Every structure is written in structure tokens, then in C-alpha cells.
Amino acid sequence: MLRHNVSRLLILVTATACAVAVTVAVAGSAFAAQPSPTPDPTAQLNTIIGNITIWVVGIAFGVATLFATVGFFLYFTAGGDPTSVEKAKSAFKNAGIGYAGVLLAPILLAIVRGWIGD
């Protein structure tokens, strides 16, 4: 039983490491944005909002993945303890809310860009 749980934990840690690597890659692309050659304030504001959104999405994805990892760990190590199972369910719920926020971020960005007239 312990060997099975350790195997699951290693798979979870590997998946989390991959998710963190993707998050860093997405967040690192904010440095690649070049300034606009024209001094149009709207374009500069759109670039700033886009860069901030990339960073926020990356950080939120990382935090949601952390909550999912904690939830999996608590669930695997609960051993039938109802308190640990409830903590795990709470962590899963928080991870789901975080992932929903990550999915809604581009929609919110489109709304803000519509307000500023792009």
C-alpha cells in the first residue's frame, strides 16, 4: 500500500514540476514583448495590460496547481481520517476556483480592451 501511494506521489510531483515549467515558460514570454515603434498611448496601455495578464495568469496557474498538489497529498495520506479528507476537498475546491480564474482571465482582458477602445 505504501509503495502504491509513493508511486502516485512521484507521479503527482512530476506532473506538478511540468506544470511549473509551463508556467515559467508562459511568464517568461512577457520579457519578449517589444515596445511599439509608434508612441500611441492606447497601444502602450494594451501592451502593459497584456503583460500584466500573462504574469497574473502564470502566477494563478501555479497557485492553483499548488492547491491541487496539496489536495492530492492530503487525500492520499488521509488514511480514512474525515478531517484530512475534508481538508483535501477544500483544497480541490480552491484549485478549481483558481483554474476557473485562469480560464476567465483572457475574457476579462478582452472586456478591458473593449473599454479602452482597442
Protein backbone atom coordinates (compact mmCIF):
# COMPACT_ATOMS: atom_id res chain seq x y z
CA MET A 1 0.00 0.00 0.00
CA LEU A 2 2.81 2.39 0.88
CA ARG A 3 4.60 1.57 -2.37
CA HIS A 4 1.42 2.38 -4.31
CA ASN A 5 0.99 5.73 -2.53
CA VAL A 6 4.65 6.63 -3.07
CA SER A 7 4.28 5.81 -6.76
CA ARG A 8 1.22 8.09 -7.00
CA LEU A 9 3.04 10.83 -5.13
CA LEU A 10 6.01 10.64 -7.52
CA ILE A 11 3.66 10.90 -10.50
CA LEU A 12 1.97 13.90 -8.89
CA VAL A 13 5.29 15.61 -8.18
CA THR A 14 6.40 15.02 -11.77
CA ALA A 15 3.14 16.46 -13.12
CA THR A 16 3.48 19.47 -10.82
CA ALA A 17 7.05 20.06 -11.97
CA CYS A 18 5.87 20.00 -15.58
CA ALA A 19 3.08 22.46 -14.76
CA VAL A 20 5.55 24.80 -13.06
CA ALA A 21 7.84 24.59 -16.09
CA VAL A 22 4.95 25.56 -18.37
CA THR A 23 4.04 28.42 -16.05
CA VAL A 24 7.60 29.74 -16.10
CA ALA A 25 7.70 29.45 -19.88
CA VAL A 26 4.44 31.40 -20.23
CA ALA A 27 5.51 34.04 -17.72
CA GLY A 28 8.92 34.33 -19.39
CA SER A 29 7.30 35.30 -22.68
CA ALA A 30 6.38 38.66 -21.09
CA PHE A 31 10.02 39.66 -21.44
CA ALA A 32 9.87 39.03 -25.19
CA ALA A 33 7.31 41.80 -25.81
CA GLN A 34 8.88 44.62 -27.80
CA PRO A 35 7.75 48.21 -27.35
CA SER A 36 5.60 49.67 -30.09
CA PRO A 37 7.53 51.87 -32.55
CA THR A 38 4.72 54.44 -32.52
CA PRO A 39 4.09 56.36 -29.29
CA ASP A 40 0.36 55.55 -29.33
CA PRO A 41 -0.79 55.56 -25.67
CA THR A 42 -3.57 53.08 -26.35
CA ALA A 43 -1.16 50.57 -27.86
CA GLN A 44 1.22 51.03 -24.95
CA LEU A 45 -1.61 50.51 -22.47
CA ASN A 46 -2.70 47.37 -24.32
CA THR A 47 0.86 46.05 -24.15
CA ILE A 48 1.07 46.75 -20.42
CA ILE A 49 -2.31 45.11 -19.76
CA GLY A 50 -1.30 42.11 -21.87
CA ASN A 51 1.99 41.69 -19.98
CA ILE A 52 0.28 42.01 -16.60
CA THR A 53 -2.32 39.44 -17.67
CA ILE A 54 0.39 36.96 -18.70
CA TRP A 55 2.06 37.31 -15.30
CA VAL A 56 -1.18 37.07 -13.33
CA VAL A 57 -2.33 34.00 -15.29
CA GLY A 58 1.04 32.33 -14.73
CA ILE A 59 1.05 33.02 -11.01
CA ALA A 60 -2.61 31.99 -10.61
CA PHE A 61 -1.96 28.76 -12.51
CA GLY A 62 0.98 28.00 -10.25
CA VAL A 63 -1.00 28.68 -7.08
CA ALA A 64 -3.94 26.58 -8.31
CA THR A 65 -1.55 23.75 -9.11
CA LEU A 66 -0.07 24.07 -5.62
CA PHE A 67 -3.56 23.77 -4.09
CA ALA A 68 -4.27 20.72 -6.25
CA THR A 69 -0.97 19.15 -5.17
CA VAL A 70 -1.73 19.78 -1.50
CA GLY A 71 -5.21 18.33 -2.00
CA PHE A 72 -3.83 15.18 -3.61
CA PHE A 73 -1.25 14.81 -0.86
CA LEU A 74 -3.85 15.23 1.88
CA TYR A 75 -6.22 12.81 0.19
CA PHE A 76 -3.54 10.14 -0.34
CA THR A 77 -2.28 10.43 3.22
CA ALA A 78 -5.71 10.70 4.89
CA GLY A 79 -5.95 7.02 5.75
CA GLY A 80 -9.69 7.33 6.32
CA ASP A 81 -9.43 10.38 8.60
CA PRO A 82 -12.52 12.53 7.86
CA THR A 83 -10.74 15.76 8.83
CA SER A 84 -7.96 15.22 6.29
CA VAL A 85 -10.46 14.23 3.63
CA GLU A 86 -12.42 17.45 4.22
CA LYS A 87 -9.20 19.49 4.02
CA ALA A 88 -8.38 17.74 0.75
CA LYS A 89 -11.83 18.52 -0.64
CA SER A 90 -11.39 22.14 0.35
CA ALA A 91 -8.02 22.28 -1.38
CA PHE A 92 -9.55 20.74 -4.53
CA LYS A 93 -12.34 23.33 -4.45
CA ASN A 94 -9.81 26.16 -4.13
CA ALA A 95 -7.77 24.71 -7.00
CA GLY A 96 -10.90 24.56 -9.15
CA ILE A 97 -11.68 28.20 -8.39
CA GLY A 98 -8.10 29.11 -9.30
CA TYR A 99 -8.24 27.23 -12.60
CA ALA A 100 -11.58 28.89 -13.40
CA GLY A 101 -9.94 32.26 -12.78
CA VAL A 102 -7.10 31.33 -15.11
CA LEU A 103 -9.59 30.38 -17.82
CA LEU A 104 -11.59 33.61 -17.35
CA ALA A 105 -8.55 35.92 -17.45
CA PRO A 106 -8.45 36.22 -21.28
CA ILE A 107 -12.17 37.00 -21.32
CA LEU A 108 -11.71 39.73 -18.72
CA LEU A 109 -8.78 41.07 -20.73
CA ALA A 110 -10.99 41.30 -23.82
CA ILE A 111 -13.59 43.22 -21.81
CA VAL A 112 -10.99 45.69 -20.51
CA ARG A 113 -9.57 46.15 -24.02
CA GLY A 114 -13.11 46.88 -25.22
CA TRP A 115 -13.41 49.61 -22.57
CA ILE A 116 -10.27 51.36 -23.71
CA GLY A 117 -11.30 51.20 -27.35
CA ASP A 118 -8.95 48.67 -28.93
